Amino acid sequence: MLAHFAVCGGRIFLIMRIAAIGIGACYSAWSAPPGVTDQDRDRIHADLSAIGIDNQLAEESQIDRVTAASGSSSAYPA
């Protein structure tokens, strides 16, 4: 999915977060398409680590596993 958007030159990240922002314990798994720079990755890491733990996934398809593990918890505020 991200590769489709990357062809337009945009630097797009797919982020699945598990809510707990209010207490600084949010877990965010994220994926980036080819062409994203190390500077972009560092910025995403800095932003997400401010609200908890982040993890760059090796493949975009791993987002599905994070979604399955979290269930609908992301739909509810922490």
PDB file of N, CA and C in Angstrom:
ATOM      1  N   MET A   1       0.829  -1.190   0.000  1.00  0.00           N
ATOM      2  CA  MET A   1       0.000   0.000   0.000  1.00  0.00           C
ATOM      3  C   MET A   1       0.875   1.255   0.000  1.00  0.00           C
ATOM      4  N   LEU A   2       1.869   1.332   0.881  1.00  0.00           N
ATOM      5  CA  LEU A   2       2.702   2.529   0.942  1.00  0.00           C
ATOM      6  C   LEU A   2       3.482   2.754  -0.343  1.00  0.00           C
ATOM      7  N   ALA A   3       3.942   1.683  -0.965  1.00  0.00           N
ATOM      8  CA  ALA A   3       4.700   1.821  -2.206  1.00  0.00           C
ATOM      9  C   ALA A   3       3.855   2.513  -3.279  1.00  0.00           C
ATOM     10  N   HIS A   4       2.567   2.276  -3.284  1.00  0.00           N
ATOM     11  CA  HIS A   4       1.658   2.916  -4.239  1.00  0.00           C
ATOM     12  C   HIS A   4       1.710   4.440  -4.081  1.00  0.00           C
ATOM     13  N   PHE A   5       1.721   4.924  -2.854  1.00  0.00           N
ATOM     14  CA  PHE A   5       1.750   6.364  -2.607  1.00  0.00           C
ATOM     15  C   PHE A   5       3.137   6.955  -2.806  1.00  0.00           C
ATOM     16  N   ALA A   6       4.161   6.150  -2.618  1.00  0.00           N
ATOM     17  CA  ALA A   6       5.529   6.642  -2.723  1.00  0.00           C
ATOM     18  C   ALA A   6       5.876   7.070  -4.150  1.00  0.00           C
ATOM     19  N   VAL A   7       5.200   6.514  -5.139  1.00  0.00           N
ATOM     20  CA  VAL A   7       5.512   6.868  -6.524  1.00  0.00           C
ATOM     21  C   VAL A   7       5.226   8.333  -6.813  1.00  0.00           C
ATOM     22  N   CYS A   8       4.398   8.970  -6.029  1.00  0.00           N
ATOM     23  CA  CYS A   8       4.098  10.380  -6.239  1.00  0.00           C
ATOM     24  C   CYS A   8       5.145  11.291  -5.612  1.00  0.00           C
ATOM     25  N   GLY A   9       6.163  10.676  -4.965  1.00  0.00           N
ATOM     26  CA  GLY A   9       7.224  11.473  -4.372  1.00  0.00           C
ATOM     27  C   GLY A   9       6.975  11.811  -2.911  1.00  0.00           C
ATOM     28  N   GLY A  10       5.816  11.439  -2.391  1.00  0.00           N
ATOM     29  CA  GLY A  10       5.514  11.707  -0.987  1.00  0.00           C
ATOM     30  C   GLY A  10       6.252  10.752  -0.070  1.00  0.00           C
ATOM     31  N   ARG A  11       6.582  11.225   1.110  1.00  0.00           N
ATOM     32  CA  ARG A  11       7.226  10.375   2.111  1.00  0.00           C
ATOM     33  C   ARG A  11       6.158  10.057   3.143  1.00  0.00           C
ATOM     34  N   ILE A  12       5.555   8.887   3.004  1.00  0.00           N
ATOM     35  CA  ILE A  12       4.384   8.512   3.782  1.00  0.00           C
ATOM     36  C   ILE A  12       4.722   7.368   4.723  1.00  0.00           C
ATOM     37  N   PHE A  13       4.295   7.485   5.952  1.00  0.00           N
ATOM     38  CA  PHE A  13       4.510   6.448   6.953  1.00  0.00           C
ATOM     39  C   PHE A  13       3.170   5.863   7.360  1.00  0.00           C
ATOM     40  N   LEU A  14       3.150   4.570   7.594  1.00  0.00           N
ATOM     41  CA  LEU A  14       1.973   3.887   8.109  1.00  0.00           C
ATOM     42  C   LEU A  14       2.236   3.604   9.581  1.00  0.00           C
ATOM     43  N   ILE A  15       1.389   4.136  10.454  1.00  0.00           N
ATOM     44  CA  ILE A  15       1.600   3.998  11.893  1.00  0.00           C
ATOM     45  C   ILE A  15       0.366   3.386  12.529  1.00  0.00           C
ATOM     46  N   MET A  16       0.575   2.365  13.336  1.00  0.00           N
ATOM     47  CA  MET A  16      -0.492   1.759  14.141  1.00  0.00           C
ATOM     48  C   MET A  16      -0.094   1.960  15.582  1.00  0.00           C
ATOM     49  N   ARG A  17      -0.862   2.728  16.302  1.00  0.00           N
ATOM     50  CA  ARG A  17      -0.502   2.968  17.699  1.00  0.00           C
ATOM     51  C   ARG A  17      -1.507   2.299  18.618  1.00  0.00           C
ATOM     52  N   ILE A  18      -1.019   1.922  19.753  1.00  0.00           N
ATOM     53  CA  ILE A  18      -1.865   1.357  20.793  1.00  0.00           C
ATOM     54  C   ILE A  18      -1.950   2.422  21.883  1.00  0.00           C
ATOM     55  N   ALA A  19      -3.153   2.891  22.157  1.00  0.00           N
ATOM     56  CA  ALA A  19      -3.384   4.056  23.002  1.00  0.00           C
ATOM     57  C   ALA A  19      -2.882   3.895  24.420  1.00  0.00           C
ATOM     58  N   ALA A  20      -2.246   4.889  24.917  1.00  0.00           N
ATOM     59  CA  ALA A  20      -1.824   5.087  26.297  1.00  0.00           C
ATOM     60  C   ALA A  20      -0.974   6.348  26.331  1.00  0.00           C
ATOM     61  N   ILE A  21      -1.292   7.251  25.417  1.00  0.00           N
ATOM     62  CA  ILE A  21      -0.522   8.480  25.267  1.00  0.00           C
ATOM     63  C   ILE A  21      -0.521   9.295  26.553  1.00  0.00           C
ATOM     64  N   GLY A  22      -1.639   9.355  27.230  1.00  0.00           N
ATOM     65  CA  GLY A  22      -1.764  10.175  28.428  1.00  0.00           C
ATOM     66  C   GLY A  22      -0.773   9.832  29.525  1.00  0.00           C
ATOM     67  N   ILE A  23      -0.289   8.605  29.530  1.00  0.00           N
ATOM     68  CA  ILE A  23       0.675   8.204  30.565  1.00  0.00           C
ATOM     69  C   ILE A  23       2.045   7.902  29.967  1.00  0.00           C
ATOM     70  N   GLY A  24       2.266   8.274  28.695  1.00  0.00           N
ATOM     71  CA  GLY A  24       3.562   8.087  28.060  1.00  0.00           C
ATOM     72  C   GLY A  24       3.902   6.630  27.798  1.00  0.00           C
ATOM     73  N   ALA A  25       2.898   5.789  27.668  1.00  0.00           N
ATOM     74  CA  ALA A  25       3.132   4.364  27.476  1.00  0.00           C
ATOM     75  C   ALA A  25       2.503   3.860  26.179  1.00  0.00           C
ATOM     76  N   CYS A  26       2.439   4.710  25.178  1.00  0.00           N
ATOM     77  CA  CYS A  26       1.880   4.329  23.892  1.00  0.00           C
ATOM     78  C   CYS A  26       2.889   3.454  23.147  1.00  0.00           C
ATOM     79  N   TYR A  27       2.423   2.421  22.487  1.00  0.00           N
ATOM     80  CA  TYR A  27       3.269   1.602  21.619  1.00  0.00           C
ATOM     81  C   TYR A  27       2.867   1.891  20.183  1.00  0.00           C
ATOM     82  N   SER A  28       3.833   2.298  19.371  1.00  0.00           N
ATOM     83  CA  SER A  28       3.567   2.612  17.968  1.00  0.00           C
ATOM     84  C   SER A  28       4.453   1.765  17.076  1.00  0.00           C
ATOM     85  N   ALA A  29       3.838   0.948  16.257  1.00  0.00           N
ATOM     86  CA  ALA A  29       4.562   0.196  15.238  1.00  0.00           C
ATOM     87  C   ALA A  29       4.400   0.971  13.936  1.00  0.00           C
ATOM     88  N   TRP A  30       5.475   1.075  13.166  1.00  0.00           N
ATOM     89  CA  TRP A  30       5.383   1.857  11.948  1.00  0.00           C
ATOM     90  C   TRP A  30       6.197   1.251  10.818  1.00  0.00           C
ATOM     91  N   SER A  31       5.815   1.645   9.611  1.00  0.00           N
ATOM     92  CA  SER A  31       6.461   1.157   8.401  1.00  0.00           C
ATOM     93  C   SER A  31       6.669   2.331   7.458  1.00  0.00           C
ATOM     94  N   ALA A  32       7.746   2.259   6.701  1.00  0.00           N
ATOM     95  CA  ALA A  32       8.049   3.318   5.744  1.00  0.00           C
ATOM     96  C   ALA A  32       8.375   2.692   4.392  1.00  0.00           C
ATOM     97  N   PRO A  33       7.958   3.334   3.311  1.00  0.00           N
ATOM     98  CA  PRO A  33       8.235   2.783   1.982  1.00  0.00           C
ATOM     99  C   PRO A  33       9.686   3.030   1.573  1.00  0.00           C
ATOM    100  N   PRO A  34      10.139   2.354   0.538  1.00  0.00           N
ATOM    101  CA  PRO A  34      11.483   2.648   0.014  1.00  0.00           C
ATOM    102  C   PRO A  34      11.572   4.114  -0.380  1.00  0.00           C
ATOM    103  N   GLY A  35      12.720   4.675  -0.250  1.00  0.00           N
ATOM    104  CA  GLY A  35      12.909   6.068  -0.620  1.00  0.00           C
ATOM    105  C   GLY A  35      12.835   7.028   0.554  1.00  0.00           C
ATOM    106  N   VAL A  36      12.379   6.543   1.695  1.00  0.00           N
ATOM    107  CA  VAL A  36      12.331   7.379   2.893  1.00  0.00           C
ATOM    108  C   VAL A  36      13.762   7.498   3.423  1.00  0.00           C
ATOM    109  N   THR A  37      14.146   8.680   3.811  1.00  0.00           N
ATOM    110  CA  THR A  37      15.526   8.907   4.241  1.00  0.00           C
ATOM    111  C   THR A  37      15.743   8.549   5.706  1.00  0.00           C
ATOM    112  N   ASP A  38      16.996   8.397   6.069  1.00  0.00           N
ATOM    113  CA  ASP A  38      17.330   8.162   7.473  1.00  0.00           C
ATOM    114  C   ASP A  38      16.877   9.338   8.336  1.00  0.00           C
ATOM    115  N   GLN A  39      16.961  10.530   7.790  1.00  0.00           N
ATOM    116  CA  GLN A  39      16.495  11.721   8.516  1.00  0.00           C
ATOM    117  C   GLN A  39      14.989  11.635   8.774  1.00  0.00           C
ATOM    118  N   ASP A  40      14.223  11.171   7.801  1.00  0.00           N
ATOM    119  CA  ASP A  40      12.783  10.974   7.980  1.00  0.00           C
ATOM    120  C   ASP A  40      12.526   9.961   9.094  1.00  0.00           C
ATOM    121  N   ARG A  41      13.247   8.836   9.054  1.00  0.00           N
ATOM    122  CA  ARG A  41      13.074   7.791  10.076  1.00  0.00           C
ATOM    123  C   ARG A  41      13.421   8.317  11.468  1.00  0.00           C
ATOM    124  N   ASP A  42      14.501   9.086  11.553  1.00  0.00           N
ATOM    125  CA  ASP A  42      14.895   9.666  12.842  1.00  0.00           C
ATOM    126  C   ASP A  42      13.817  10.598  13.383  1.00  0.00           C
ATOM    127  N   ARG A  43      13.192  11.357  12.493  1.00  0.00           N
ATOM    128  CA  ARG A  43      12.132  12.294  12.904  1.00  0.00           C
ATOM    129  C   ARG A  43      10.907  11.536  13.423  1.00  0.00           C
ATOM    130  N   ILE A  44      10.507  10.486  12.705  1.00  0.00           N
ATOM    131  CA  ILE A  44       9.372   9.680  13.148  1.00  0.00           C
ATOM    132  C   ILE A  44       9.676   9.051  14.504  1.00  0.00           C
ATOM    133  N   HIS A  45      10.883   8.501  14.636  1.00  0.00           N
ATOM    134  CA  HIS A  45      11.278   7.894  15.922  1.00  0.00           C
ATOM    135  C   HIS A  45      11.227   8.927  17.045  1.00  0.00           C
ATOM    136  N   ALA A  46      11.759  10.114  16.807  1.00  0.00           N
ATOM    137  CA  ALA A  46      11.755  11.161  17.829  1.00  0.00           C
ATOM    138  C   ALA A  46      10.332  11.548  18.220  1.00  0.00           C
ATOM    139  N   ASP A  47       9.465  11.715  17.241  1.00  0.00           N
ATOM    140  CA  ASP A  47       8.080  12.097  17.516  1.00  0.00           C
ATOM    141  C   ASP A  47       7.340  11.012  18.295  1.00  0.00           C
ATOM    142  N   LEU A  48       7.474   9.764  17.846  1.00  0.00           N
ATOM    143  CA  LEU A  48       6.740   8.675  18.486  1.00  0.00           C
ATOM    144  C   LEU A  48       7.315   8.307  19.853  1.00  0.00           C
ATOM    145  N   SER A  49       8.615   8.412  20.018  1.00  0.00           N
ATOM    146  CA  SER A  49       9.202   8.063  21.310  1.00  0.00           C
ATOM    147  C   SER A  49       8.840   9.095  22.387  1.00  0.00           C
ATOM    148  N   ALA A  50       8.366  10.250  21.965  1.00  0.00           N
ATOM    149  CA  ALA A  50       7.913  11.257  22.934  1.00  0.00           C
ATOM    150  C   ALA A  50       6.624  10.825  23.634  1.00  0.00           C
ATOM    151  N   ILE A  51       5.891   9.878  23.034  1.00  0.00           N
ATOM    152  CA  ILE A  51       4.633   9.416  23.635  1.00  0.00           C
ATOM    153  C   ILE A  51       4.701   7.966  24.097  1.00  0.00           C
ATOM    154  N   GLY A  52       5.878   7.357  23.968  1.00  0.00           N
ATOM    155  CA  GLY A  52       6.027   5.971  24.415  1.00  0.00           C
ATOM    156  C   GLY A  52       7.100   5.241  23.640  1.00  0.00           C
ATOM    157  N   ILE A  53       6.820   4.014  23.282  1.00  0.00           N
ATOM    158  CA  ILE A  53       7.773   3.145  22.591  1.00  0.00           C
ATOM    159  C   ILE A  53       7.379   3.042  21.126  1.00  0.00           C
ATOM    160  N   ASP A  54       8.390   3.080  20.238  1.00  0.00           N
ATOM    161  CA  ASP A  54       8.092   2.887  18.825  1.00  0.00           C
ATOM    162  C   ASP A  54       8.953   1.762  18.272  1.00  0.00           C
ATOM    163  N   ASN A  55       8.479   1.180  17.180  1.00  0.00           N
ATOM    164  CA  ASN A  55       9.169   0.067  16.558  1.00  0.00           C
ATOM    165  C   ASN A  55       8.958   0.135  15.055  1.00  0.00           C
ATOM    166  N   GLN A  56      10.053   0.311  14.308  1.00  0.00           N
ATOM    167  CA  GLN A  56       9.928   0.269  12.858  1.00  0.00           C
ATOM    168  C   GLN A  56       9.866  -1.192  12.428  1.00  0.00           C
ATOM    169  N   LEU A  57       8.843  -1.520  11.686  1.00  0.00           N
ATOM    170  CA  LEU A  57       8.654  -2.888  11.218  1.00  0.00           C
ATOM    171  C   LEU A  57       9.469  -3.125   9.962  1.00  0.00           C
ATOM    172  N   ALA A  58       9.934  -4.347   9.791  1.00  0.00           N
ATOM    173  CA  ALA A  58      10.727  -4.692   8.618  1.00  0.00           C
ATOM    174  C   ALA A  58       9.884  -4.670   7.344  1.00  0.00           C
ATOM    175  N   GLU A  59       8.611  -5.036   7.474  1.00  0.00           N
ATOM    176  CA  GLU A  59       7.715  -5.075   6.320  1.00  0.00           C
ATOM    177  C   GLU A  59       6.367  -4.462   6.680  1.00  0.00           C
ATOM    178  N   GLU A  60       5.774  -3.788   5.725  1.00  0.00           N
ATOM    179  CA  GLU A  60       4.470  -3.165   5.948  1.00  0.00           C
ATOM    180  C   GLU A  60       3.416  -4.186   6.374  1.00  0.00           C
ATOM    181  N   SER A  61       3.491  -5.390   5.848  1.00  0.00           N
ATOM    182  CA  SER A  61       2.489  -6.411   6.156  1.00  0.00           C
ATOM    183  C   SER A  61       2.456  -6.770   7.648  1.00  0.00           C
ATOM    184  N   GLN A  62       3.515  -6.474   8.371  1.00  0.00           N
ATOM    185  CA  GLN A  62       3.538  -6.760   9.804  1.00  0.00           C
ATOM    186  C   GLN A  62       2.566  -5.884  10.592  1.00  0.00           C
ATOM    187  N   ILE A  63       2.107  -4.795   9.989  1.00  0.00           N
ATOM    188  CA  ILE A  63       1.096  -3.948  10.627  1.00  0.00           C
ATOM    189  C   ILE A  63      -0.150  -4.773  10.932  1.00  0.00           C
ATOM    190  N   ASP A  64      -0.468  -5.725  10.066  1.00  0.00           N
ATOM    191  CA  ASP A  64      -1.641  -6.575  10.287  1.00  0.00           C
ATOM    192  C   ASP A  64      -1.526  -7.338  11.606  1.00  0.00           C
ATOM    193  N   ARG A  65      -0.346  -7.813  11.918  1.00  0.00           N
ATOM    194  CA  ARG A  65      -0.139  -8.539  13.176  1.00  0.00           C
ATOM    195  C   ARG A  65      -0.323  -7.628  14.384  1.00  0.00           C
ATOM    196  N   VAL A  66       0.175  -6.413  14.261  1.00  0.00           N
ATOM    197  CA  VAL A  66       0.018  -5.452  15.366  1.00  0.00           C
ATOM    198  C   VAL A  66      -1.459  -5.138  15.563  1.00  0.00           C
ATOM    199  N   THR A  67      -2.171  -4.961  14.463  1.00  0.00           N
ATOM    200  CA  THR A  67      -3.603  -4.688  14.538  1.00  0.00           C
ATOM    201  C   THR A  67      -4.344  -5.849  15.196  1.00  0.00           C
ATOM    202  N   ALA A  68      -4.003  -7.066  14.815  1.00  0.00           N
ATOM    203  CA  ALA A  68      -4.651  -8.244  15.401  1.00  0.00           C
ATOM    204  C   ALA A  68      -4.357  -8.359  16.892  1.00  0.00           C
ATOM    205  N   ALA A  69      -3.135  -8.050  17.284  1.00  0.00           N
ATOM    206  CA  ALA A  69      -2.755  -8.163  18.694  1.00  0.00           C
ATOM    207  C   ALA A  69      -3.432  -7.105  19.554  1.00  0.00           C
ATOM    208  N   SER A  70      -3.613  -5.917  18.990  1.00  0.00           N
ATOM    209  CA  SER A  70      -4.185  -4.824  19.781  1.00  0.00           C
ATOM    210  C   SER A  70      -5.704  -4.849  19.791  1.00  0.00           C
ATOM    211  N   GLY A  71      -6.305  -5.571  18.852  1.00  0.00           N
ATOM    212  CA  GLY A  71      -7.759  -5.581  18.769  1.00  0.00           C
ATOM    213  C   GLY A  71      -8.268  -4.191  18.458  1.00  0.00           C
ATOM    214  N   SER A  72      -9.286  -3.771  19.150  1.00  0.00           N
ATOM    215  CA  SER A  72      -9.859  -2.445  18.906  1.00  0.00           C
ATOM    216  C   SER A  72      -9.406  -1.428  19.944  1.00  0.00           C
ATOM    217  N   SER A  73      -8.363  -1.739  20.679  1.00  0.00           N
ATOM    218  CA  SER A  73      -7.936  -0.818  21.739  1.00  0.00           C
ATOM    219  C   SER A  73      -7.610   0.567  21.206  1.00  0.00           C
ATOM    220  N   SER A  74      -7.157   0.632  19.970  1.00  0.00           N
ATOM    221  CA  SER A  74      -6.814   1.934  19.408  1.00  0.00           C
ATOM    222  C   SER A  74      -8.038   2.805  19.144  1.00  0.00           C
ATOM    223  N   ALA A  75      -9.191   2.210  19.135  1.00  0.00           N
ATOM    224  CA  ALA A  75     -10.408   2.971  18.870  1.00  0.00           C
ATOM    225  C   ALA A  75     -10.898   3.716  20.114  1.00  0.00           C
ATOM    226  N   TYR A  76     -10.330   3.414  21.243  1.00  0.00           N
ATOM    227  CA  TYR A  76     -10.772   4.014  22.501  1.00  0.00           C
ATOM    228  C   TYR A  76      -9.674   4.891  23.088  1.00  0.00           C
ATOM    229  N   PRO A  77     -10.019   6.053  23.611  1.00  0.00           N
ATOM    230  CA  PRO A  77      -8.998   6.907  24.230  1.00  0.00           C
ATOM    231  C   PRO A  77      -8.420   6.263  25.476  1.00  0.00           C
ATOM    232  N   ALA A  78      -7.158   6.550  25.737  1.00  0.00           N
ATOM    233  CA  ALA A  78      -6.491   6.002  26.938  1.00  0.00           C
ATOM    234  C   ALA A  78      -7.001   6.707  28.180  1.00  0.00           C
TER     235      ALA A  78
END
